[in-house]
N, C-alpha and C. Protein backbone atom coordinates (compact mmCIF):
# COMPACT_ATOMS: atom_id res chain seq x y z
N MET A 1 -19.24 23.87 -4.66
CA MET A 1 -18.44 24.91 -4.05
C MET A 1 -17.23 24.27 -3.36
N ILE A 2 -16.09 24.83 -3.63
CA ILE A 2 -14.84 24.36 -3.04
C ILE A 2 -14.69 24.97 -1.65
N ARG A 3 -14.36 24.13 -0.67
CA ARG A 3 -14.16 24.58 0.71
C ARG A 3 -12.79 24.16 1.18
N THR A 4 -12.26 24.90 2.15
CA THR A 4 -10.92 24.65 2.68
C THR A 4 -10.96 24.68 4.19
N ALA A 5 -10.13 23.82 4.79
CA ALA A 5 -9.96 23.82 6.25
C ALA A 5 -8.50 23.54 6.56
N ASP A 6 -8.08 23.96 7.72
CA ASP A 6 -6.72 23.72 8.18
C ASP A 6 -6.72 22.74 9.33
N TYR A 7 -5.66 21.94 9.37
CA TYR A 7 -5.39 21.09 10.52
C TYR A 7 -3.95 21.38 10.92
N HIS A 8 -3.76 21.74 12.17
CA HIS A 8 -2.42 22.04 12.67
C HIS A 8 -1.84 20.76 13.27
N SER A 9 -1.10 20.04 12.44
CA SER A 9 -0.52 18.75 12.84
C SER A 9 0.76 18.96 13.63
N PRO A 10 1.26 17.92 14.26
CA PRO A 10 2.55 18.02 14.95
C PRO A 10 3.71 18.34 14.00
N LEU A 11 3.50 18.14 12.70
CA LEU A 11 4.56 18.39 11.71
C LEU A 11 4.36 19.67 10.92
N GLY A 12 3.32 20.41 11.21
CA GLY A 12 3.06 21.65 10.50
C GLY A 12 1.62 21.72 10.04
N ARG A 13 1.31 22.86 9.45
CA ARG A 13 -0.07 23.11 9.01
C ARG A 13 -0.39 22.31 7.76
N ILE A 14 -1.54 21.65 7.79
CA ILE A 14 -2.04 20.89 6.66
C ILE A 14 -3.32 21.56 6.19
N GLN A 15 -3.40 21.81 4.90
CA GLN A 15 -4.61 22.40 4.33
C GLN A 15 -5.37 21.30 3.60
N ILE A 16 -6.67 21.21 3.89
CA ILE A 16 -7.55 20.22 3.29
C ILE A 16 -8.54 20.97 2.40
N VAL A 17 -8.67 20.53 1.16
CA VAL A 17 -9.58 21.16 0.21
C VAL A 17 -10.59 20.11 -0.22
N SER A 18 -11.87 20.51 -0.27
CA SER A 18 -12.90 19.54 -0.67
C SER A 18 -13.95 20.18 -1.56
N SER A 19 -14.62 19.32 -2.31
CA SER A 19 -15.87 19.67 -2.95
C SER A 19 -16.94 19.31 -1.93
N PRO A 20 -18.20 19.45 -2.25
CA PRO A 20 -19.22 19.02 -1.27
C PRO A 20 -19.18 17.53 -0.94
N VAL A 21 -18.59 16.70 -1.83
CA VAL A 21 -18.66 15.26 -1.61
C VAL A 21 -17.32 14.53 -1.60
N GLU A 22 -16.21 15.21 -1.94
CA GLU A 22 -14.92 14.52 -2.03
C GLU A 22 -13.79 15.42 -1.54
N ILE A 23 -12.75 14.75 -1.04
CA ILE A 23 -11.52 15.46 -0.68
C ILE A 23 -10.73 15.65 -1.96
N LEU A 24 -10.38 16.90 -2.25
CA LEU A 24 -9.63 17.22 -3.46
C LEU A 24 -8.13 17.23 -3.22
N SER A 25 -7.71 17.65 -2.02
CA SER A 25 -6.28 17.64 -1.71
C SER A 25 -6.07 17.77 -0.21
N VAL A 26 -4.92 17.25 0.21
CA VAL A 26 -4.44 17.37 1.59
C VAL A 26 -2.95 17.65 1.46
N GLN A 27 -2.53 18.86 1.81
CA GLN A 27 -1.14 19.27 1.57
C GLN A 27 -0.58 20.02 2.77
N PHE A 28 0.70 19.79 3.05
CA PHE A 28 1.40 20.63 4.01
C PHE A 28 1.58 21.99 3.37
N VAL A 29 1.34 23.06 4.13
CA VAL A 29 1.49 24.42 3.59
C VAL A 29 2.33 25.25 4.55
N LEU A 30 2.99 26.25 3.99
CA LEU A 30 3.87 27.09 4.79
C LEU A 30 3.26 28.44 5.12
N THR A 31 2.28 28.89 4.35
CA THR A 31 1.71 30.21 4.58
C THR A 31 0.84 30.22 5.83
N ASP A 32 0.63 31.39 6.37
CA ASP A 32 -0.18 31.52 7.57
C ASP A 32 -1.54 32.15 7.29
N ARG A 33 -2.05 31.96 6.09
CA ARG A 33 -3.37 32.51 5.75
C ARG A 33 -4.42 31.74 6.55
N PRO A 34 -5.06 32.40 7.52
CA PRO A 34 -6.04 31.69 8.35
C PRO A 34 -7.32 31.37 7.58
N ILE A 35 -7.90 30.23 7.90
CA ILE A 35 -9.19 29.84 7.36
C ILE A 35 -10.24 30.30 8.37
N GLU A 36 -11.17 31.11 7.90
CA GLU A 36 -12.12 31.71 8.83
C GLU A 36 -13.46 31.00 8.90
N ALA A 37 -13.88 30.35 7.82
CA ALA A 37 -15.18 29.69 7.81
C ALA A 37 -15.09 28.36 8.57
N PRO A 38 -16.15 27.99 9.28
CA PRO A 38 -16.14 26.69 9.96
C PRO A 38 -16.11 25.57 8.92
N PRO A 39 -15.46 24.45 9.23
CA PRO A 39 -15.36 23.36 8.26
C PRO A 39 -16.71 22.67 8.05
N THR A 40 -16.89 22.17 6.84
CA THR A 40 -18.07 21.35 6.55
C THR A 40 -17.93 20.02 7.28
N ALA A 41 -18.97 19.22 7.26
CA ALA A 41 -18.92 17.91 7.92
C ALA A 41 -17.82 17.04 7.30
N LEU A 42 -17.66 17.09 5.98
CA LEU A 42 -16.62 16.31 5.32
C LEU A 42 -15.23 16.77 5.74
N LEU A 43 -15.01 18.08 5.76
CA LEU A 43 -13.71 18.61 6.18
C LEU A 43 -13.45 18.29 7.65
N GLN A 44 -14.46 18.38 8.49
CA GLN A 44 -14.28 18.05 9.90
C GLN A 44 -13.94 16.57 10.07
N ASN A 45 -14.56 15.72 9.27
CA ASN A 45 -14.25 14.30 9.30
C ASN A 45 -12.78 14.08 8.92
N ALA A 46 -12.29 14.78 7.90
CA ALA A 46 -10.89 14.67 7.50
C ALA A 46 -9.97 15.15 8.62
N ILE A 47 -10.32 16.26 9.26
CA ILE A 47 -9.52 16.77 10.38
C ILE A 47 -9.49 15.73 11.50
N ASN A 48 -10.65 15.17 11.83
CA ASN A 48 -10.73 14.17 12.90
C ASN A 48 -9.87 12.95 12.58
N GLN A 49 -9.90 12.50 11.33
CA GLN A 49 -9.11 11.33 10.96
C GLN A 49 -7.62 11.65 11.00
N LEU A 50 -7.21 12.84 10.56
CA LEU A 50 -5.80 13.22 10.66
C LEU A 50 -5.37 13.29 12.13
N GLU A 51 -6.23 13.85 12.96
CA GLU A 51 -5.94 13.93 14.39
C GLU A 51 -5.74 12.53 14.97
N ASP A 52 -6.63 11.61 14.63
CA ASP A 52 -6.51 10.23 15.11
C ASP A 52 -5.25 9.56 14.58
N TYR A 53 -4.89 9.86 13.33
CA TYR A 53 -3.65 9.31 12.76
C TYR A 53 -2.45 9.77 13.59
N PHE A 54 -2.37 11.06 13.87
CA PHE A 54 -1.22 11.56 14.61
C PHE A 54 -1.22 11.12 16.08
N LYS A 55 -2.38 10.75 16.61
CA LYS A 55 -2.44 10.22 17.97
C LYS A 55 -2.23 8.71 18.01
N GLY A 56 -2.00 8.11 16.84
CA GLY A 56 -1.74 6.67 16.78
C GLY A 56 -2.98 5.81 16.86
N ARG A 57 -4.15 6.40 16.66
CA ARG A 57 -5.40 5.64 16.77
C ARG A 57 -5.98 5.24 15.42
N LEU A 58 -5.44 5.75 14.34
CA LEU A 58 -5.98 5.47 13.00
C LEU A 58 -4.83 5.07 12.09
N LYS A 59 -5.01 3.97 11.40
CA LYS A 59 -3.96 3.46 10.52
C LYS A 59 -4.38 3.45 9.06
N ARG A 60 -5.66 3.61 8.79
CA ARG A 60 -6.17 3.64 7.42
C ARG A 60 -7.30 4.66 7.34
N PHE A 61 -7.20 5.54 6.39
CA PHE A 61 -8.19 6.61 6.24
C PHE A 61 -9.40 6.11 5.47
N ASP A 62 -10.55 6.67 5.81
CA ASP A 62 -11.81 6.33 5.15
C ASP A 62 -12.49 7.63 4.73
N LEU A 63 -12.00 8.19 3.64
CA LEU A 63 -12.53 9.45 3.13
C LEU A 63 -12.71 9.33 1.62
N PRO A 64 -13.73 9.95 1.07
CA PRO A 64 -13.90 9.92 -0.39
C PRO A 64 -12.87 10.85 -1.05
N LEU A 65 -12.05 10.27 -1.92
CA LEU A 65 -11.01 11.05 -2.59
C LEU A 65 -11.35 11.20 -4.06
N ASN A 66 -10.98 12.31 -4.62
CA ASN A 66 -11.24 12.61 -6.02
C ASN A 66 -9.98 12.34 -6.83
N PHE A 67 -9.84 11.09 -7.32
CA PHE A 67 -8.69 10.74 -8.15
C PHE A 67 -8.97 11.17 -9.58
N GLN A 68 -8.36 12.26 -9.98
CA GLN A 68 -8.48 12.71 -11.36
C GLN A 68 -7.09 12.81 -11.96
N GLY A 69 -6.56 11.66 -12.29
CA GLY A 69 -5.25 11.60 -12.93
C GLY A 69 -5.34 10.69 -14.13
N THR A 70 -4.18 10.36 -14.66
CA THR A 70 -4.15 9.41 -15.76
C THR A 70 -4.51 8.02 -15.22
N PRO A 71 -4.86 7.10 -16.08
CA PRO A 71 -5.12 5.74 -15.60
C PRO A 71 -3.92 5.17 -14.82
N PHE A 72 -2.70 5.45 -15.28
CA PHE A 72 -1.51 4.98 -14.58
C PHE A 72 -1.41 5.61 -13.20
N GLN A 73 -1.58 6.92 -13.09
CA GLN A 73 -1.52 7.59 -11.79
C GLN A 73 -2.58 7.03 -10.85
N ASN A 74 -3.77 6.83 -11.34
CA ASN A 74 -4.84 6.30 -10.50
C ASN A 74 -4.48 4.91 -9.97
N LYS A 75 -3.85 4.07 -10.81
CA LYS A 75 -3.42 2.75 -10.34
C LYS A 75 -2.37 2.88 -9.24
N VAL A 76 -1.42 3.78 -9.45
CA VAL A 76 -0.37 3.98 -8.44
C VAL A 76 -1.00 4.47 -7.14
N TRP A 77 -1.86 5.47 -7.20
CA TRP A 77 -2.46 6.03 -5.98
C TRP A 77 -3.29 4.97 -5.24
N GLN A 78 -4.02 4.16 -5.99
CA GLN A 78 -4.79 3.09 -5.35
C GLN A 78 -3.85 2.07 -4.70
N ARG A 79 -2.75 1.76 -5.36
CA ARG A 79 -1.79 0.80 -4.80
C ARG A 79 -1.11 1.35 -3.56
N LEU A 80 -0.80 2.64 -3.55
CA LEU A 80 -0.18 3.25 -2.38
C LEU A 80 -1.05 3.08 -1.14
N GLN A 81 -2.35 3.15 -1.32
CA GLN A 81 -3.26 3.00 -0.19
C GLN A 81 -3.25 1.59 0.37
N MET A 82 -2.66 0.65 -0.34
CA MET A 82 -2.61 -0.73 0.12
C MET A 82 -1.32 -1.05 0.88
N ILE A 83 -0.37 -0.10 0.93
CA ILE A 83 0.85 -0.34 1.69
C ILE A 83 0.47 -0.32 3.17
N PRO A 84 0.74 -1.38 3.89
CA PRO A 84 0.35 -1.42 5.30
C PRO A 84 1.01 -0.31 6.13
N TYR A 85 0.29 0.15 7.09
CA TYR A 85 0.77 1.16 8.04
C TYR A 85 2.08 0.69 8.64
N GLY A 86 3.05 1.59 8.68
CA GLY A 86 4.33 1.27 9.29
C GLY A 86 5.27 0.46 8.42
N GLU A 87 4.87 0.21 7.19
CA GLU A 87 5.73 -0.52 6.26
C GLU A 87 6.09 0.37 5.08
N THR A 88 7.11 -0.03 4.33
CA THR A 88 7.52 0.73 3.16
C THR A 88 7.64 -0.20 1.96
N ARG A 89 7.63 0.40 0.80
CA ARG A 89 7.87 -0.30 -0.46
C ARG A 89 8.78 0.59 -1.30
N SER A 90 9.45 -0.03 -2.25
CA SER A 90 10.28 0.75 -3.17
C SER A 90 9.43 1.14 -4.38
N TYR A 91 9.92 2.14 -5.11
CA TYR A 91 9.25 2.53 -6.35
C TYR A 91 9.19 1.33 -7.30
N ARG A 92 10.24 0.54 -7.33
CA ARG A 92 10.28 -0.65 -8.19
C ARG A 92 9.21 -1.66 -7.76
N GLU A 93 9.06 -1.86 -6.46
CA GLU A 93 8.04 -2.80 -5.98
C GLU A 93 6.64 -2.33 -6.36
N ILE A 94 6.39 -1.05 -6.24
CA ILE A 94 5.08 -0.52 -6.64
C ILE A 94 4.86 -0.74 -8.13
N ALA A 95 5.88 -0.43 -8.93
CA ALA A 95 5.77 -0.62 -10.38
C ALA A 95 5.44 -2.08 -10.70
N GLY A 96 6.15 -3.01 -10.09
CA GLY A 96 5.89 -4.43 -10.32
C GLY A 96 4.50 -4.85 -9.89
N SER A 97 4.03 -4.28 -8.79
CA SER A 97 2.72 -4.68 -8.26
C SER A 97 1.55 -4.19 -9.12
N ILE A 98 1.81 -3.22 -10.00
CA ILE A 98 0.75 -2.77 -10.91
C ILE A 98 1.04 -3.23 -12.34
N GLN A 99 1.86 -4.30 -12.44
CA GLN A 99 2.17 -4.92 -13.73
C GLN A 99 2.90 -3.99 -14.69
N SER A 100 3.72 -3.11 -14.16
CA SER A 100 4.55 -2.21 -14.98
C SER A 100 5.97 -2.20 -14.42
N PRO A 101 6.66 -3.34 -14.47
CA PRO A 101 7.94 -3.47 -13.76
C PRO A 101 9.03 -2.50 -14.21
N GLN A 102 8.93 -1.94 -15.38
CA GLN A 102 9.94 -1.01 -15.87
C GLN A 102 9.58 0.45 -15.58
N ALA A 103 8.52 0.69 -14.82
CA ALA A 103 7.98 2.04 -14.66
C ALA A 103 8.30 2.68 -13.31
N SER A 104 9.45 2.36 -12.73
CA SER A 104 9.79 2.93 -11.42
C SER A 104 9.79 4.46 -11.43
N ARG A 105 10.36 5.03 -12.48
CA ARG A 105 10.40 6.50 -12.58
C ARG A 105 8.99 7.08 -12.72
N ALA A 106 8.14 6.40 -13.47
CA ALA A 106 6.77 6.87 -13.64
C ALA A 106 6.00 6.77 -12.33
N VAL A 107 6.30 5.75 -11.53
CA VAL A 107 5.71 5.65 -10.19
C VAL A 107 6.13 6.86 -9.37
N GLY A 108 7.41 7.22 -9.44
CA GLY A 108 7.89 8.42 -8.76
C GLY A 108 7.16 9.66 -9.23
N GLY A 109 6.91 9.75 -10.53
CA GLY A 109 6.16 10.88 -11.07
C GLY A 109 4.73 10.93 -10.53
N ALA A 110 4.10 9.75 -10.43
CA ALA A 110 2.73 9.70 -9.88
C ALA A 110 2.74 10.10 -8.41
N CYS A 111 3.76 9.66 -7.68
CA CYS A 111 3.88 10.06 -6.27
C CYS A 111 4.04 11.58 -6.17
N ASN A 112 4.81 12.15 -7.07
CA ASN A 112 5.01 13.59 -7.09
C ASN A 112 3.71 14.36 -7.34
N GLN A 113 2.78 13.73 -8.06
CA GLN A 113 1.49 14.37 -8.36
C GLN A 113 0.41 14.04 -7.33
N ASN A 114 0.75 13.28 -6.31
CA ASN A 114 -0.19 12.89 -5.26
C ASN A 114 -0.63 14.14 -4.49
N ARG A 115 -1.91 14.44 -4.52
CA ARG A 115 -2.44 15.62 -3.83
C ARG A 115 -3.01 15.29 -2.45
N TRP A 116 -2.90 14.03 -2.02
CA TRP A 116 -3.53 13.62 -0.76
C TRP A 116 -2.48 13.09 0.21
N MET A 117 -1.54 13.96 0.57
CA MET A 117 -0.46 13.55 1.47
C MET A 117 -1.04 12.88 2.72
N ILE A 118 -0.36 11.89 3.17
CA ILE A 118 -0.70 11.06 4.31
C ILE A 118 -1.88 10.14 3.98
N LEU A 119 -2.97 10.66 3.41
CA LEU A 119 -4.12 9.81 3.08
C LEU A 119 -3.75 8.78 2.03
N VAL A 120 -3.01 9.20 1.02
CA VAL A 120 -2.45 8.31 0.00
C VAL A 120 -0.96 8.30 0.31
N PRO A 121 -0.50 7.30 1.05
CA PRO A 121 0.79 7.37 1.74
C PRO A 121 2.03 7.21 0.86
N CYS A 122 2.30 8.20 0.03
CA CYS A 122 3.52 8.14 -0.78
C CYS A 122 4.76 8.28 0.09
N HIS A 123 4.58 8.72 1.34
CA HIS A 123 5.73 8.77 2.25
C HIS A 123 6.27 7.37 2.55
N ARG A 124 5.48 6.34 2.28
CA ARG A 124 5.91 4.96 2.52
C ARG A 124 6.69 4.36 1.35
N VAL A 125 6.97 5.18 0.33
CA VAL A 125 7.70 4.70 -0.84
C VAL A 125 9.12 5.24 -0.79
N LEU A 126 10.08 4.29 -0.89
CA LEU A 126 11.50 4.62 -0.77
C LEU A 126 12.23 4.25 -2.05
N GLY A 127 13.45 4.73 -2.16
CA GLY A 127 14.32 4.32 -3.25
C GLY A 127 14.66 2.85 -3.13
N GLN A 128 15.21 2.27 -4.18
CA GLN A 128 15.51 0.84 -4.22
C GLN A 128 16.40 0.39 -3.07
N THR A 129 17.32 1.25 -2.64
CA THR A 129 18.25 0.88 -1.56
C THR A 129 17.70 1.20 -0.18
N GLY A 130 16.44 1.66 -0.12
CA GLY A 130 15.85 2.03 1.16
C GLY A 130 16.08 3.48 1.52
N LYS A 131 16.67 4.23 0.62
CA LYS A 131 16.97 5.64 0.85
C LYS A 131 15.71 6.49 0.72
N LEU A 132 15.61 7.49 1.60
CA LEU A 132 14.51 8.45 1.49
C LEU A 132 14.76 9.33 0.27
N VAL A 133 13.85 9.29 -0.67
CA VAL A 133 13.96 10.15 -1.85
C VAL A 133 12.60 10.76 -2.13
N GLY A 134 12.62 12.02 -2.51
CA GLY A 134 11.43 12.71 -2.97
C GLY A 134 10.22 12.67 -2.05
N TYR A 135 9.77 13.83 -1.67
CA TYR A 135 8.51 13.98 -0.96
C TYR A 135 8.12 15.44 -1.05
N ALA A 136 6.94 15.72 -1.52
CA ALA A 136 6.52 17.10 -1.73
C ALA A 136 6.53 17.91 -0.44
N GLY A 137 6.32 17.26 0.69
CA GLY A 137 6.36 17.96 1.98
C GLY A 137 7.77 18.13 2.51
N GLY A 138 8.74 17.56 1.82
CA GLY A 138 10.14 17.63 2.25
C GLY A 138 10.55 16.33 2.93
N LEU A 139 11.83 16.01 2.81
CA LEU A 139 12.32 14.74 3.35
C LEU A 139 12.24 14.68 4.87
N LYS A 140 12.34 15.83 5.56
CA LYS A 140 12.22 15.81 7.03
C LYS A 140 10.83 15.36 7.45
N ILE A 141 9.81 15.82 6.73
CA ILE A 141 8.44 15.41 7.06
C ILE A 141 8.25 13.94 6.70
N LYS A 142 8.78 13.50 5.56
CA LYS A 142 8.68 12.09 5.18
C LYS A 142 9.31 11.21 6.26
N GLU A 143 10.50 11.60 6.70
CA GLU A 143 11.19 10.84 7.75
C GLU A 143 10.37 10.84 9.04
N ALA A 144 9.79 11.98 9.39
CA ALA A 144 9.00 12.07 10.62
C ALA A 144 7.74 11.20 10.53
N LEU A 145 7.09 11.17 9.38
CA LEU A 145 5.91 10.32 9.21
C LEU A 145 6.26 8.85 9.35
N LEU A 146 7.37 8.44 8.73
CA LEU A 146 7.80 7.05 8.83
C LEU A 146 8.17 6.68 10.26
N LEU A 147 8.85 7.59 10.95
CA LEU A 147 9.21 7.35 12.35
C LEU A 147 7.96 7.26 13.22
N HIS A 148 7.00 8.15 12.98
CA HIS A 148 5.74 8.13 13.73
C HIS A 148 5.06 6.76 13.57
N GLU A 149 4.94 6.30 12.32
CA GLU A 149 4.25 5.03 12.09
C GLU A 149 5.02 3.86 12.69
N LYS A 150 6.33 3.87 12.57
CA LYS A 150 7.14 2.80 13.15
C LYS A 150 6.98 2.77 14.67
N THR A 151 7.01 3.94 15.30
CA THR A 151 6.88 4.02 16.75
C THR A 151 5.51 3.51 17.20
N VAL A 152 4.46 3.95 16.53
CA VAL A 152 3.10 3.50 16.88
C VAL A 152 2.99 2.00 16.68
N LYS A 153 3.49 1.51 15.55
CA LYS A 153 3.40 0.08 15.25
C LYS A 153 4.19 -0.73 16.27
N ASP A 154 5.41 -0.28 16.59
CA ASP A 154 6.23 -0.99 17.58
C ASP A 154 5.57 -0.99 18.95
N ASN A 155 4.99 0.13 19.35
CA ASN A 155 4.31 0.20 20.65
C ASN A 155 3.09 -0.70 20.67
N PHE A 156 2.35 -0.76 19.58
CA PHE A 156 1.17 -1.62 19.49
C PHE A 156 1.59 -3.08 19.57
N THR A 157 2.63 -3.45 18.81
CA THR A 157 3.12 -4.83 18.80
C THR A 157 3.63 -5.23 20.17
N ALA A 158 4.34 -4.32 20.85
CA ALA A 158 4.88 -4.62 22.18
C ALA A 158 3.76 -4.82 23.20
N GLY A 159 2.62 -4.17 22.98
CA GLY A 159 1.51 -4.27 23.92
C GLY A 159 0.62 -5.48 23.70
N GLU A 160 0.87 -6.25 22.64
CA GLU A 160 0.03 -7.42 22.35
C GLU A 160 0.29 -8.54 23.32
């Protein structure tokens, strides 16, 4: 049975969809359709982890994700999860890191198909010149996520 829960983040409403055992998607949504059923334990865990992320207490998510894409997409999504918190990579760097140096555009396509915003951090992928390009949640949200991570990382480093 597919279940849904909402998390009201500082950047807008995020809808989390799960099966009984895996997170199927995490997406920013614009509609105000309220979720009335209480979240399952898995959905509540996802909400808690998102909350900790936005409070600067969590830098890497630990949730079971349902990667059902092409082998190439799955490689890209797995690689995105390896980009350190507060850092960025270019589409070209991601392509090279998965042994497909000519596949920058295909990496962009895989990022476009990413259904796990924030959890699979495609917001950390920039154009070759460092320019913010493409984000399903919109460039303002991408910029806000990058700023959030930089601020948390800088504050953590300053406190060491």
